[in-house]
Amino acid sequence: MKQFQTREELLQNTIDYFWGRPERQCLSPKGGCQYRAQGQSEGCAIGRLLDISLCEKLDVNNYSVECDSTFEKLPDWLKNLGQSFLVDLQYLHDNSLLVDKRESEVKIRMIRHVNTSLIKF
């Protein structure tokens, strides 16, 4: 399982993985995001960082990491990056900002969490 020490590292890895690659977006047959891997995807922005058993549990209710009960189930290293950061990271994925290469919107969303000048698009 991948682990990251900083928000910048995780954001950069997420951008590198999803940027302009709609086939990697992890969507259910109904079109909603899923935590666990589907098709060519390792999982959603958060789910690709979790073990499969946790993804399966989270997919039952499909709650955002904004929900405290979902956030509390995450591994400590991920929780240490902060709930609001993870909510915004999930937002980037769920709203196709990454696959649609919407750089300015990504920067606007993430500027309160990271030094966006360190991020490569």
PDB file of N, CA and C in Angstrom:
ATOM      1  N   MET A   1       0.834  -1.185   0.000  1.00  0.00           N
ATOM      2  CA  MET A   1       0.000   0.000   0.000  1.00  0.00           C
ATOM      3  C   MET A   1       0.882   1.253   0.000  1.00  0.00           C
ATOM      4  N   LYS A   2       0.525   2.202  -0.832  1.00  0.00           N
ATOM      5  CA  LYS A   2       1.264   3.462  -0.896  1.00  0.00           C
ATOM      6  C   LYS A   2       0.962   4.302   0.336  1.00  0.00           C
ATOM      7  N   GLN A   3       2.004   4.961   0.829  1.00  0.00           N
ATOM      8  CA  GLN A   3       1.826   5.917   1.928  1.00  0.00           C
ATOM      9  C   GLN A   3       2.629   7.165   1.598  1.00  0.00           C
ATOM     10  N   PHE A   4       2.113   8.308   2.017  1.00  0.00           N
ATOM     11  CA  PHE A   4       2.765   9.580   1.746  1.00  0.00           C
ATOM     12  C   PHE A   4       2.898  10.358   3.044  1.00  0.00           C
ATOM     13  N   GLN A   5       4.007  11.062   3.169  1.00  0.00           N
ATOM     14  CA  GLN A   5       4.281  11.818   4.386  1.00  0.00           C
ATOM     15  C   GLN A   5       3.709  13.227   4.342  1.00  0.00           C
ATOM     16  N   THR A   6       3.605  13.779   3.140  1.00  0.00           N
ATOM     17  CA  THR A   6       3.136  15.159   3.030  1.00  0.00           C
ATOM     18  C   THR A   6       1.937  15.258   2.081  1.00  0.00           C
ATOM     19  N   ARG A   7       1.211  16.324   2.232  1.00  0.00           N
ATOM     20  CA  ARG A   7       0.074  16.591   1.348  1.00  0.00           C
ATOM     21  C   ARG A   7       0.546  16.791  -0.088  1.00  0.00           C
ATOM     22  N   GLU A   8       1.676  17.491  -0.237  1.00  0.00           N
ATOM     23  CA  GLU A   8       2.215  17.732  -1.573  1.00  0.00           C
ATOM     24  C   GLU A   8       2.522  16.424  -2.287  1.00  0.00           C
ATOM     25  N   GLU A   9       3.142  15.484  -1.570  1.00  0.00           N
ATOM     26  CA  GLU A   9       3.461  14.178  -2.180  1.00  0.00           C
ATOM     27  C   GLU A   9       2.196  13.461  -2.629  1.00  0.00           C
ATOM     28  N   LEU A  10       1.197  13.448  -1.786  1.00  0.00           N
ATOM     29  CA  LEU A  10      -0.044  12.748  -2.130  1.00  0.00           C
ATOM     30  C   LEU A  10      -0.763  13.454  -3.268  1.00  0.00           C
ATOM     31  N   LEU A  11      -0.844  14.773  -3.237  1.00  0.00           N
ATOM     32  CA  LEU A  11      -1.492  15.499  -4.326  1.00  0.00           C
ATOM     33  C   LEU A  11      -0.756  15.254  -5.638  1.00  0.00           C
ATOM     34  N   GLN A  12       0.565  15.332  -5.629  1.00  0.00           N
ATOM     35  CA  GLN A  12       1.327  15.121  -6.863  1.00  0.00           C
ATOM     36  C   GLN A  12       1.104  13.711  -7.406  1.00  0.00           C
ATOM     37  N   ASN A  13       1.125  12.725  -6.542  1.00  0.00           N
ATOM     38  CA  ASN A  13       0.898  11.349  -6.968  1.00  0.00           C
ATOM     39  C   ASN A  13      -0.505  11.180  -7.554  1.00  0.00           C
ATOM     40  N   THR A  14      -1.482  11.812  -6.935  1.00  0.00           N
ATOM     41  CA  THR A  14      -2.862  11.719  -7.411  1.00  0.00           C
ATOM     42  C   THR A  14      -3.003  12.383  -8.774  1.00  0.00           C
ATOM     43  N   ILE A  15      -2.398  13.537  -8.947  1.00  0.00           N
ATOM     44  CA  ILE A  15      -2.416  14.212 -10.246  1.00  0.00           C
ATOM     45  C   ILE A  15      -1.720  13.348 -11.288  1.00  0.00           C
ATOM     46  N   ASP A  16      -0.554  12.839 -10.952  1.00  0.00           N
ATOM     47  CA  ASP A  16       0.195  12.007 -11.899  1.00  0.00           C
ATOM     48  C   ASP A  16      -0.616  10.795 -12.346  1.00  0.00           C
ATOM     49  N   TYR A  17      -1.395  10.246 -11.450  1.00  0.00           N
ATOM     50  CA  TYR A  17      -2.162   9.042 -11.761  1.00  0.00           C
ATOM     51  C   TYR A  17      -3.414   9.336 -12.594  1.00  0.00           C
ATOM     52  N   PHE A  18      -4.155  10.382 -12.258  1.00  0.00           N
ATOM     53  CA  PHE A  18      -5.459  10.628 -12.884  1.00  0.00           C
ATOM     54  C   PHE A  18      -5.454  11.664 -14.016  1.00  0.00           C
ATOM     55  N   TRP A  19      -4.425  12.512 -14.105  1.00  0.00           N
ATOM     56  CA  TRP A  19      -4.423  13.644 -15.021  1.00  0.00           C
ATOM     57  C   TRP A  19      -4.650  13.197 -16.471  1.00  0.00           C
ATOM     58  N   GLY A  20      -5.785  13.605 -17.014  1.00  0.00           N
ATOM     59  CA  GLY A  20      -6.103  13.299 -18.396  1.00  0.00           C
ATOM     60  C   GLY A  20      -6.364  11.835 -18.699  1.00  0.00           C
ATOM     61  N   ARG A  21      -6.655  11.045 -17.668  1.00  0.00           N
ATOM     62  CA  ARG A  21      -6.861   9.608 -17.851  1.00  0.00           C
ATOM     63  C   ARG A  21      -8.234   9.178 -17.320  1.00  0.00           C
ATOM     64  N   PRO A  22      -9.283   9.415 -18.073  1.00  0.00           N
ATOM     65  CA  PRO A  22     -10.623   9.065 -17.602  1.00  0.00           C
ATOM     66  C   PRO A  22     -10.809   7.568 -17.340  1.00  0.00           C
ATOM     67  N   GLU A  23     -10.054   6.734 -18.009  1.00  0.00           N
ATOM     68  CA  GLU A  23     -10.160   5.291 -17.774  1.00  0.00           C
ATOM     69  C   GLU A  23      -9.714   4.892 -16.368  1.00  0.00           C
ATOM     70  N   ARG A  24      -8.988   5.763 -15.699  1.00  0.00           N
ATOM     71  CA  ARG A  24      -8.536   5.481 -14.333  1.00  0.00           C
ATOM     72  C   ARG A  24      -9.505   5.986 -13.270  1.00  0.00           C
ATOM     73  N   GLN A  25     -10.484   6.754 -13.685  1.00  0.00           N
ATOM     74  CA  GLN A  25     -11.482   7.225 -12.728  1.00  0.00           C
ATOM     75  C   GLN A  25     -12.313   6.025 -12.308  1.00  0.00           C
ATOM     76  N   CYS A  26     -12.523   5.868 -11.051  1.00  0.00           N
ATOM     77  CA  CYS A  26     -13.157   4.668 -10.510  1.00  0.00           C
ATOM     78  C   CYS A  26     -14.653   4.897 -10.334  1.00  0.00           C
ATOM     79  N   LEU A  27     -15.421   4.555 -11.363  1.00  0.00           N
ATOM     80  CA  LEU A  27     -16.849   4.806 -11.342  1.00  0.00           C
ATOM     81  C   LEU A  27     -17.637   3.508 -11.280  1.00  0.00           C
ATOM     82  N   SER A  28     -18.745   3.550 -10.570  1.00  0.00           N
ATOM     83  CA  SER A  28     -19.643   2.404 -10.509  1.00  0.00           C
ATOM     84  C   SER A  28     -20.450   2.349 -11.803  1.00  0.00           C
ATOM     85  N   PRO A  29     -21.120   1.238 -12.057  1.00  0.00           N
ATOM     86  CA  PRO A  29     -21.985   1.171 -13.250  1.00  0.00           C
ATOM     87  C   PRO A  29     -23.047   2.272 -13.277  1.00  0.00           C
ATOM     88  N   LYS A  30     -23.417   2.798 -12.112  1.00  0.00           N
ATOM     89  CA  LYS A  30     -24.412   3.873 -12.033  1.00  0.00           C
ATOM     90  C   LYS A  30     -23.786   5.250 -12.229  1.00  0.00           C
ATOM     91  N   GLY A  31     -22.456   5.309 -12.341  1.00  0.00           N
ATOM     92  CA  GLY A  31     -21.780   6.571 -12.592  1.00  0.00           C
ATOM     93  C   GLY A  31     -21.165   7.240 -11.380  1.00  0.00           C
ATOM     94  N   GLY A  32     -21.456   6.765 -10.176  1.00  0.00           N
ATOM     95  CA  GLY A  32     -20.872   7.356  -8.968  1.00  0.00           C
ATOM     96  C   GLY A  32     -19.472   6.826  -8.704  1.00  0.00           C
ATOM     97  N   CYS A  33     -18.730   7.548  -7.911  1.00  0.00           N
ATOM     98  CA  CYS A  33     -17.379   7.127  -7.553  1.00  0.00           C
ATOM     99  C   CYS A  33     -17.442   5.942  -6.587  1.00  0.00           C
ATOM    100  N   GLN A  34     -16.474   5.051  -6.741  1.00  0.00           N
ATOM    101  CA  GLN A  34     -16.324   3.934  -5.810  1.00  0.00           C
ATOM    102  C   GLN A  34     -14.916   3.965  -5.236  1.00  0.00           C
ATOM    103  N   TYR A  35     -14.788   3.512  -4.001  1.00  0.00           N
ATOM    104  CA  TYR A  35     -13.472   3.456  -3.378  1.00  0.00           C
ATOM    105  C   TYR A  35     -12.614   2.350  -3.994  1.00  0.00           C
ATOM    106  N   ARG A  36     -13.197   1.187  -4.225  1.00  0.00           N
ATOM    107  CA  ARG A  36     -12.400   0.041  -4.674  1.00  0.00           C
ATOM    108  C   ARG A  36     -12.157   0.086  -6.169  1.00  0.00           C
ATOM    109  N   ALA A  37     -11.119  -0.606  -6.561  1.00  0.00           N
ATOM    110  CA  ALA A  37     -10.691  -0.629  -7.956  1.00  0.00           C
ATOM    111  C   ALA A  37     -11.751  -1.221  -8.870  1.00  0.00           C
ATOM    112  N   GLN A  38     -11.837  -0.634 -10.046  1.00  0.00           N
ATOM    113  CA  GLN A  38     -12.737  -1.096 -11.106  1.00  0.00           C
ATOM    114  C   GLN A  38     -11.989  -0.984 -12.428  1.00  0.00           C
ATOM    115  N   GLY A  39     -12.079  -1.985 -13.274  1.00  0.00           N
ATOM    116  CA  GLY A  39     -11.471  -1.907 -14.606  1.00  0.00           C
ATOM    117  C   GLY A  39      -9.993  -1.605 -14.549  1.00  0.00           C
ATOM    118  N   GLN A  40      -9.595  -0.524 -15.210  1.00  0.00           N
ATOM    119  CA  GLN A  40      -8.181  -0.141 -15.301  1.00  0.00           C
ATOM    120  C   GLN A  40      -7.725   0.740 -14.147  1.00  0.00           C
ATOM    121  N   SER A  41      -8.582   0.977 -13.190  1.00  0.00           N
ATOM    122  CA  SER A  41      -8.277   1.895 -12.097  1.00  0.00           C
ATOM    123  C   SER A  41      -7.784   1.162 -10.855  1.00  0.00           C
ATOM    124  N   GLU A  42      -6.887   1.808 -10.135  1.00  0.00           N
ATOM    125  CA  GLU A  42      -6.449   1.305  -8.825  1.00  0.00           C
ATOM    126  C   GLU A  42      -7.472   1.639  -7.748  1.00  0.00           C
ATOM    127  N   GLY A  43      -8.433   2.476  -8.073  1.00  0.00           N
ATOM    128  CA  GLY A  43      -9.436   2.941  -7.125  1.00  0.00           C
ATOM    129  C   GLY A  43      -9.572   4.447  -7.226  1.00  0.00           C
ATOM    130  N   CYS A  44     -10.451   5.005  -6.411  1.00  0.00           N
ATOM    131  CA  CYS A  44     -10.620   6.462  -6.423  1.00  0.00           C
ATOM    132  C   CYS A  44      -9.429   7.132  -5.744  1.00  0.00           C
ATOM    133  N   ALA A  45      -9.443   8.431  -5.670  1.00  0.00           N
ATOM    134  CA  ALA A  45      -8.321   9.182  -5.104  1.00  0.00           C
ATOM    135  C   ALA A  45      -7.970   8.732  -3.687  1.00  0.00           C
ATOM    136  N   ILE A  46      -8.967   8.362  -2.899  1.00  0.00           N
ATOM    137  CA  ILE A  46      -8.735   7.882  -1.534  1.00  0.00           C
ATOM    138  C   ILE A  46      -8.636   6.356  -1.524  1.00  0.00           C
ATOM    139  N   GLY A  47      -9.520   5.700  -2.244  1.00  0.00           N
ATOM    140  CA  GLY A  47      -9.575   4.238  -2.240  1.00  0.00           C
ATOM    141  C   GLY A  47      -8.312   3.561  -2.709  1.00  0.00           C
ATOM    142  N   ARG A  48      -7.575   4.178  -3.612  1.00  0.00           N
ATOM    143  CA  ARG A  48      -6.342   3.556  -4.102  1.00  0.00           C
ATOM    144  C   ARG A  48      -5.254   3.509  -3.031  1.00  0.00           C
ATOM    145  N   LEU A  49      -5.506   4.168  -1.900  1.00  0.00           N
ATOM    146  CA  LEU A  49      -4.552   4.191  -0.789  1.00  0.00           C
ATOM    147  C   LEU A  49      -4.939   3.237   0.336  1.00  0.00           C
ATOM    148  N   LEU A  50      -6.051   2.526   0.152  1.00  0.00           N
ATOM    149  CA  LEU A  50      -6.609   1.680   1.211  1.00  0.00           C
ATOM    150  C   LEU A  50      -6.587   0.213   0.813  1.00  0.00           C
ATOM    151  N   ASP A  51      -6.629  -0.651   1.810  1.00  0.00           N
ATOM    152  CA  ASP A  51      -6.718  -2.076   1.482  1.00  0.00           C
ATOM    153  C   ASP A  51      -8.130  -2.401   0.997  1.00  0.00           C
ATOM    154  N   ILE A  52      -8.226  -3.461   0.225  1.00  0.00           N
ATOM    155  CA  ILE A  52      -9.472  -3.806  -0.445  1.00  0.00           C
ATOM    156  C   ILE A  52     -10.626  -4.041   0.530  1.00  0.00           C
ATOM    157  N   SER A  53     -10.347  -4.629   1.686  1.00  0.00           N
ATOM    158  CA  SER A  53     -11.438  -4.906   2.632  1.00  0.00           C
ATOM    159  C   SER A  53     -12.061  -3.612   3.152  1.00  0.00           C
ATOM    160  N   LEU A  54     -11.243  -2.596   3.404  1.00  0.00           N
ATOM    161  CA  LEU A  54     -11.779  -1.312   3.846  1.00  0.00           C
ATOM    162  C   LEU A  54     -12.554  -0.647   2.707  1.00  0.00           C
ATOM    163  N   CYS A  55     -12.042  -0.717   1.497  1.00  0.00           N
ATOM    164  CA  CYS A  55     -12.763  -0.149   0.345  1.00  0.00           C
ATOM    165  C   CYS A  55     -14.138  -0.777   0.204  1.00  0.00           C
ATOM    166  N   GLU A  56     -14.209  -2.079   0.364  1.00  0.00           N
ATOM    167  CA  GLU A  56     -15.502  -2.761   0.245  1.00  0.00           C
ATOM    168  C   GLU A  56     -16.483  -2.282   1.315  1.00  0.00           C
ATOM    169  N   LYS A  57     -15.988  -2.080   2.535  1.00  0.00           N
ATOM    170  CA  LYS A  57     -16.844  -1.573   3.611  1.00  0.00           C
ATOM    171  C   LYS A  57     -17.324  -0.149   3.313  1.00  0.00           C
ATOM    172  N   LEU A  58     -16.424   0.682   2.813  1.00  0.00           N
ATOM    173  CA  LEU A  58     -16.780   2.073   2.526  1.00  0.00           C
ATOM    174  C   LEU A  58     -17.730   2.178   1.336  1.00  0.00           C
ATOM    175  N   ASP A  59     -17.601   1.260   0.387  1.00  0.00           N
ATOM    176  CA  ASP A  59     -18.483   1.289  -0.783  1.00  0.00           C
ATOM    177  C   ASP A  59     -19.922   0.911  -0.446  1.00  0.00           C
ATOM    178  N   VAL A  60     -20.132   0.218   0.669  1.00  0.00           N
ATOM    179  CA  VAL A  60     -21.497  -0.155   1.048  1.00  0.00           C
ATOM    180  C   VAL A  60     -22.370   1.089   1.201  1.00  0.00           C
ATOM    181  N   ASN A  61     -21.849   2.098   1.908  1.00  0.00           N
ATOM    182  CA  ASN A  61     -22.599   3.341   2.117  1.00  0.00           C
ATOM    183  C   ASN A  61     -22.183   4.450   1.155  1.00  0.00           C
ATOM    184  N   ASN A  62     -20.978   4.297   0.580  1.00  0.00           N
ATOM    185  CA  ASN A  62     -20.426   5.276  -0.358  1.00  0.00           C
ATOM    186  C   ASN A  62     -20.412   6.693   0.212  1.00  0.00           C
ATOM    187  N   TYR A  63     -20.021   6.816   1.474  1.00  0.00           N
ATOM    188  CA  TYR A  63     -19.911   8.127   2.113  1.00  0.00           C
ATOM    189  C   TYR A  63     -18.555   8.752   1.828  1.00  0.00           C
ATOM    190  N   SER A  64     -18.541  10.048   1.693  1.00  0.00           N
ATOM    191  CA  SER A  64     -17.320  10.808   1.507  1.00  0.00           C
ATOM    192  C   SER A  64     -16.475  10.765   2.783  1.00  0.00           C
ATOM    193  N   VAL A  65     -15.195  11.082   2.626  1.00  0.00           N
ATOM    194  CA  VAL A  65     -14.335  11.219   3.802  1.00  0.00           C
ATOM    195  C   VAL A  65     -14.749  12.423   4.637  1.00  0.00           C
ATOM    196  N   GLU A  66     -15.676  13.211   4.112  1.00  0.00           N
ATOM    197  CA  GLU A  66     -16.250  14.321   4.875  1.00  0.00           C
ATOM    198  C   GLU A  66     -17.077  13.800   6.047  1.00  0.00           C
ATOM    199  N   CYS A  67     -17.603  12.619   5.906  1.00  0.00           N
ATOM    200  CA  CYS A  67     -18.379  11.968   6.966  1.00  0.00           C
ATOM    201  C   CYS A  67     -17.395  11.473   8.035  1.00  0.00           C
ATOM    202  N   ASP A  68     -17.576  11.918   9.254  1.00  0.00           N
ATOM    203  CA  ASP A  68     -16.644  11.562  10.332  1.00  0.00           C
ATOM    204  C   ASP A  68     -16.488  10.062  10.514  1.00  0.00           C
ATOM    205  N   SER A  69     -17.561   9.296  10.351  1.00  0.00           N
ATOM    206  CA  SER A  69     -17.464   7.845  10.536  1.00  0.00           C
ATOM    207  C   SER A  69     -16.593   7.209   9.452  1.00  0.00           C
ATOM    208  N   THR A  70     -16.595   7.762   8.254  1.00  0.00           N
ATOM    209  CA  THR A  70     -15.702   7.282   7.193  1.00  0.00           C
ATOM    210  C   THR A  70     -14.276   7.701   7.488  1.00  0.00           C
ATOM    211  N   PHE A  71     -14.079   8.964   7.822  1.00  0.00           N
ATOM    212  CA  PHE A  71     -12.740   9.476   8.109  1.00  0.00           C
ATOM    213  C   PHE A  71     -12.071   8.676   9.225  1.00  0.00           C
ATOM    214  N   GLU A  72     -12.813   8.343  10.260  1.00  0.00           N
ATOM    215  CA  GLU A  72     -12.249   7.614  11.401  1.00  0.00           C
ATOM    216  C   GLU A  72     -11.791   6.206  11.035  1.00  0.00           C
ATOM    217  N   LYS A  73     -12.286   5.640   9.937  1.00  0.00           N
ATOM    218  CA  LYS A  73     -11.882   4.296   9.509  1.00  0.00           C
ATOM    219  C   LYS A  73     -10.572   4.292   8.733  1.00  0.00           C
ATOM    220  N   LEU A  74     -10.095   5.464   8.337  1.00  0.00           N
ATOM    221  CA  LEU A  74      -8.873   5.554   7.542  1.00  0.00           C
ATOM    222  C   LEU A  74      -7.641   5.254   8.380  1.00  0.00           C
ATOM    223  N   PRO A  75      -6.556   4.791   7.731  1.00  0.00           N
ATOM    224  CA  PRO A  75      -5.309   4.575   8.467  1.00  0.00           C
ATOM    225  C   PRO A  75      -4.786   5.895   9.036  1.00  0.00           C
ATOM    226  N   ASP A  76      -4.052   5.797  10.133  1.00  0.00           N
ATOM    227  CA  ASP A  76      -3.549   6.996  10.818  1.00  0.00           C
ATOM    228  C   ASP A  76      -2.726   7.897   9.910  1.00  0.00           C
ATOM    229  N   TRP A  77      -1.856   7.317   9.081  1.00  0.00           N
ATOM    230  CA  TRP A  77      -1.002   8.155   8.223  1.00  0.00           C
ATOM    231  C   TRP A  77      -1.847   9.040   7.312  1.00  0.00           C
ATOM    232  N   LEU A  78      -2.977   8.532   6.876  1.00  0.00           N
ATOM    233  CA  LEU A  78      -3.863   9.298   5.998  1.00  0.00           C
ATOM    234  C   LEU A  78      -4.638  10.343   6.806  1.00  0.00           C
ATOM    235  N   LYS A  79      -5.124   9.950   7.972  1.00  0.00           N
ATOM    236  CA  LYS A  79      -5.822  10.907   8.836  1.00  0.00           C
ATOM    237  C   LYS A  79      -4.911  12.068   9.236  1.00  0.00           C
ATOM    238  N   ASN A  80      -3.620  11.788   9.384  1.00  0.00           N
ATOM    239  CA  ASN A  80      -2.662  12.823   9.776  1.00  0.00           C
ATOM    240  C   ASN A  80      -2.529  13.930   8.729  1.00  0.00           C
ATOM    241  N   LEU A  81      -2.936  13.666   7.487  1.00  0.00           N
ATOM    242  CA  LEU A  81      -2.885  14.685   6.441  1.00  0.00           C
ATOM    243  C   LEU A  81      -4.052  15.658   6.545  1.00  0.00           C
ATOM    244  N   GLY A  82      -5.060  15.315   7.335  1.00  0.00           N
ATOM    245  CA  GLY A  82      -6.166  16.216   7.610  1.00  0.00           C
ATOM    246  C   GLY A  82      -7.421  15.909   6.816  1.00  0.00           C
ATOM    247  N   GLN A  83      -8.536  15.975   7.514  1.00  0.00           N
ATOM    248  CA  GLN A  83      -9.813  15.647   6.898  1.00  0.00           C
ATOM    249  C   GLN A  83     -10.177  16.628   5.780  1.00  0.00           C
ATOM    250  N   SER A  84      -9.976  17.920   5.997  1.00  0.00           N
ATOM    251  CA  SER A  84     -10.370  18.897   4.972  1.00  0.00           C
ATOM    252  C   SER A  84      -9.536  18.719   3.698  1.00  0.00           C
ATOM    253  N   PHE A  85      -8.257  18.393   3.840  1.00  0.00           N
ATOM    254  CA  PHE A  85      -7.417  18.112   2.666  1.00  0.00           C
ATOM    255  C   PHE A  85      -7.945  16.899   1.906  1.00  0.00           C
ATOM    256  N   LEU A  86      -8.268  15.823   2.625  1.00  0.00           N
ATOM    257  CA  LEU A  86      -8.765  14.617   1.975  1.00  0.00           C
ATOM    258  C   LEU A  86     -10.121  14.840   1.312  1.00  0.00           C
ATOM    259  N   VAL A  87     -10.970  15.649   1.941  1.00  0.00           N
ATOM    260  CA  VAL A  87     -12.261  15.999   1.331  1.00  0.00           C
ATOM    261  C   VAL A  87     -12.021  16.710   0.004  1.00  0.00           C
ATOM    262  N   ASP A  88     -11.099  17.668  -0.011  1.00  0.00           N
ATOM    263  CA  ASP A  88     -10.818  18.398  -1.243  1.00  0.00           C
ATOM    264  C   ASP A  88     -10.147  17.510  -2.289  1.00  0.00           C
ATOM    265  N   LEU A  89      -9.293  16.602  -1.862  1.00  0.00           N
ATOM    266  CA  LEU A  89      -8.667  15.658  -2.794  1.00  0.00           C
ATOM    267  C   LEU A  89      -9.732  14.769  -3.438  1.00  0.00           C
ATOM    268  N   GLN A  90     -10.647  14.286  -2.627  1.00  0.00           N
ATOM    269  CA  GLN A  90     -11.736  13.465  -3.144  1.00  0.00           C
ATOM    270  C   GLN A  90     -12.614  14.290  -4.094  1.00  0.00           C
ATOM    271  N   TYR A  91     -12.834  15.552  -3.772  1.00  0.00           N
ATOM    272  CA  TYR A  91     -13.617  16.443  -4.635  1.00  0.00           C
ATOM    273  C   TYR A  91     -12.978  16.560  -6.019  1.00  0.00           C
ATOM    274  N   LEU A  92     -11.650  16.730  -6.067  1.00  0.00           N
ATOM    275  CA  LEU A  92     -10.951  16.844  -7.349  1.00  0.00           C
ATOM    276  C   LEU A  92     -11.223  15.639  -8.228  1.00  0.00           C
ATOM    277  N   HIS A  93     -11.219  14.471  -7.605  1.00  0.00           N
ATOM    278  CA  HIS A  93     -11.455  13.227  -8.342  1.00  0.00           C
ATOM    279  C   HIS A  93     -12.922  13.082  -8.717  1.00  0.00           C
ATOM    280  N   ASP A  94     -13.803  13.222  -7.746  1.00  0.00           N
ATOM    281  CA  ASP A  94     -15.229  12.988  -7.971  1.00  0.00           C
ATOM    282  C   ASP A  94     -15.830  13.945  -9.002  1.00  0.00           C
ATOM    283  N   ASN A  95     -15.291  15.132  -9.111  1.00  0.00           N
ATOM    284  CA  ASN A  95     -15.825  16.136 -10.026  1.00  0.00           C
ATOM    285  C   ASN A  95     -15.002  16.272 -11.312  1.00  0.00           C
ATOM    286  N   SER A  96     -14.185  15.274 -11.571  1.00  0.00           N
ATOM    287  CA  SER A  96     -13.420  15.160 -12.832  1.00  0.00           C
ATOM    288  C   SER A  96     -12.456  16.313 -13.099  1.00  0.00           C
ATOM    289  N   LEU A  97     -12.050  17.052 -12.077  1.00  0.00           N
ATOM    290  CA  LEU A  97     -11.102  18.137 -12.293  1.00  0.00           C
ATOM    291  C   LEU A  97      -9.746  17.607 -12.747  1.00  0.00           C
ATOM    292  N   LEU A  98      -9.405  16.400 -12.312  1.00  0.00           N
ATOM    293  CA  LEU A  98      -8.118  15.813 -12.678  1.00  0.00           C
ATOM    294  C   LEU A  98      -8.159  15.226 -14.086  1.00  0.00           C
ATOM    295  N   VAL A  99      -9.149  14.423 -14.369  1.00  0.00           N
ATOM    296  CA  VAL A  99      -9.211  13.800 -15.701  1.00  0.00           C
ATOM    297  C   VAL A  99      -9.483  14.836 -16.791  1.00  0.00           C
ATOM    298  N   ASP A 100     -10.134  15.933 -16.437  1.00  0.00           N
ATOM    299  CA  ASP A 100     -10.400  17.001 -17.413  1.00  0.00           C
ATOM    300  C   ASP A 100      -9.273  18.033 -17.475  1.00  0.00           C
ATOM    301  N   LYS A 101      -8.208  17.818 -16.704  1.00  0.00           N
ATOM    302  CA  LYS A 101      -7.020  18.685 -16.684  1.00  0.00           C
ATOM    303  C   LYS A 101      -7.367  20.142 -16.382  1.00  0.00           C
ATOM    304  N   ARG A 102      -8.139  20.355 -15.349  1.00  0.00           N
ATOM    305  CA  ARG A 102      -8.575  21.710 -14.980  1.00  0.00           C
ATOM    306  C   ARG A 102      -7.632  22.283 -13.920  1.00  0.00           C
ATOM    307  N   GLU A 103      -6.446  22.635 -14.382  1.00  0.00           N
ATOM    308  CA  GLU A 103      -5.353  23.065 -13.509  1.00  0.00           C
ATOM    309  C   GLU A 103      -5.725  24.225 -12.600  1.00  0.00           C
ATOM    310  N   SER A 104      -6.314  25.272 -13.143  1.00  0.00           N
ATOM    311  CA  SER A 104      -6.614  26.443 -12.315  1.00  0.00           C
ATOM    312  C   SER A 104      -7.607  26.094 -11.212  1.00  0.00           C
ATOM    313  N   GLU A 105      -8.589  25.241 -11.500  1.00  0.00           N
ATOM    314  CA  GLU A 105      -9.559  24.849 -10.483  1.00  0.00           C
ATOM    315  C   GLU A 105      -8.924  23.958  -9.416  1.00  0.00           C
ATOM    316  N   VAL A 106      -7.983  23.123  -9.828  1.00  0.00           N
ATOM    317  CA  VAL A 106      -7.257  22.293  -8.864  1.00  0.00           C
ATOM    318  C   VAL A 106      -6.464  23.195  -7.923  1.00  0.00           C
ATOM    319  N   LYS A 107      -5.760  24.156  -8.480  1.00  0.00           N
ATOM    320  CA  LYS A 107      -4.966  25.079  -7.658  1.00  0.00           C
ATOM    321  C   LYS A 107      -5.840  25.859  -6.689  1.00  0.00           C
ATOM    322  N   ILE A 108      -6.976  26.360  -7.170  1.00  0.00           N
ATOM    323  CA  ILE A 108      -7.890  27.115  -6.302  1.00  0.00           C
ATOM    324  C   ILE A 108      -8.360  26.249  -5.141  1.00  0.00           C
ATOM    325  N   ARG A 109      -8.674  24.999  -5.424  1.00  0.00           N
ATOM    326  CA  ARG A 109      -9.192  24.087  -4.394  1.00  0.00           C
ATOM    327  C   ARG A 109      -8.108  23.697  -3.382  1.00  0.00           C
ATOM    328  N   MET A 110      -6.864  23.587  -3.841  1.00  0.00           N
ATOM    329  CA  MET A 110      -5.808  23.031  -2.990  1.00  0.00           C
ATOM    330  C   MET A 110      -4.880  24.070  -2.359  1.00  0.00           C
ATOM    331  N   ILE A 111      -4.996  25.323  -2.741  1.00  0.00           N
ATOM    332  CA  ILE A 111      -4.053  26.336  -2.268  1.00  0.00           C
ATOM    333  C   ILE A 111      -4.065  26.481  -0.745  1.00  0.00           C
ATOM    334  N   ARG A 112      -5.168  26.191  -0.117  1.00  0.00           N
ATOM    335  CA  ARG A 112      -5.214  26.310   1.351  1.00  0.00           C
ATOM    336  C   ARG A 112      -4.535  25.137   2.057  1.00  0.00           C
ATOM    337  N   HIS A 113      -4.202  24.089   1.292  1.00  0.00           N
ATOM    338  CA  HIS A 113      -3.596  22.889   1.876  1.00  0.00           C
ATOM    339  C   HIS A 113      -2.123  22.717   1.541  1.00  0.00           C
ATOM    340  N   VAL A 114      -1.719  23.179   0.342  1.00  0.00           N
ATOM    341  CA  VAL A 114      -0.353  22.926  -0.132  1.00  0.00           C
ATOM    342  C   VAL A 114       0.208  24.164  -0.821  1.00  0.00           C
ATOM    343  N   ASN A 115       1.506  24.164  -1.013  1.00  0.00           N
ATOM    344  CA  ASN A 115       2.160  25.165  -1.833  1.00  0.00           C
ATOM    345  C   ASN A 115       1.985  24.701  -3.284  1.00  0.00           C
ATOM    346  N   THR A 116       1.016  25.260  -3.983  1.00  0.00           N
ATOM    347  CA  THR A 116       0.689  24.778  -5.322  1.00  0.00           C
ATOM    348  C   THR A 116       1.796  25.034  -6.338  1.00  0.00           C
ATOM    349  N   SER A 117       2.748  25.922  -6.021  1.00  0.00           N
ATOM    350  CA  SER A 117       3.854  26.148  -6.943  1.00  0.00           C
ATOM    351  C   SER A 117       4.796  24.950  -6.998  1.00  0.00           C
ATOM    352  N   LEU A 118       4.689  24.050  -6.036  1.00  0.00           N
ATOM    353  CA  LEU A 118       5.520  22.838  -6.020  1.00  0.00           C
ATOM    354  C   LEU A 118       4.897  21.707  -6.833  1.00  0.00           C
ATOM    355  N   ILE A 119       3.685  21.879  -7.283  1.00  0.00           N
ATOM    356  CA  ILE A 119       2.952  20.823  -7.977  1.00  0.00           C
ATOM    357  C   ILE A 119       3.150  20.960  -9.481  1.00  0.00           C
ATOM    358  N   LYS A 120       3.434  19.825 -10.141  1.00  0.00           N
ATOM    359  CA  LYS A 120       3.632  19.813 -11.592  1.00  0.00           C
ATOM    360  C   LYS A 120       2.412  19.212 -12.266  1.00  0.00           C
ATOM    361  N   PHE A 121       1.916  19.905 -13.251  1.00  0.00           N
ATOM    362  CA  PHE A 121       0.735  19.446 -13.986  1.00  0.00           C
ATOM    363  C   PHE A 121       1.142  18.957 -15.367  1.00  0.00           C
TER     364      PHE A 121
END
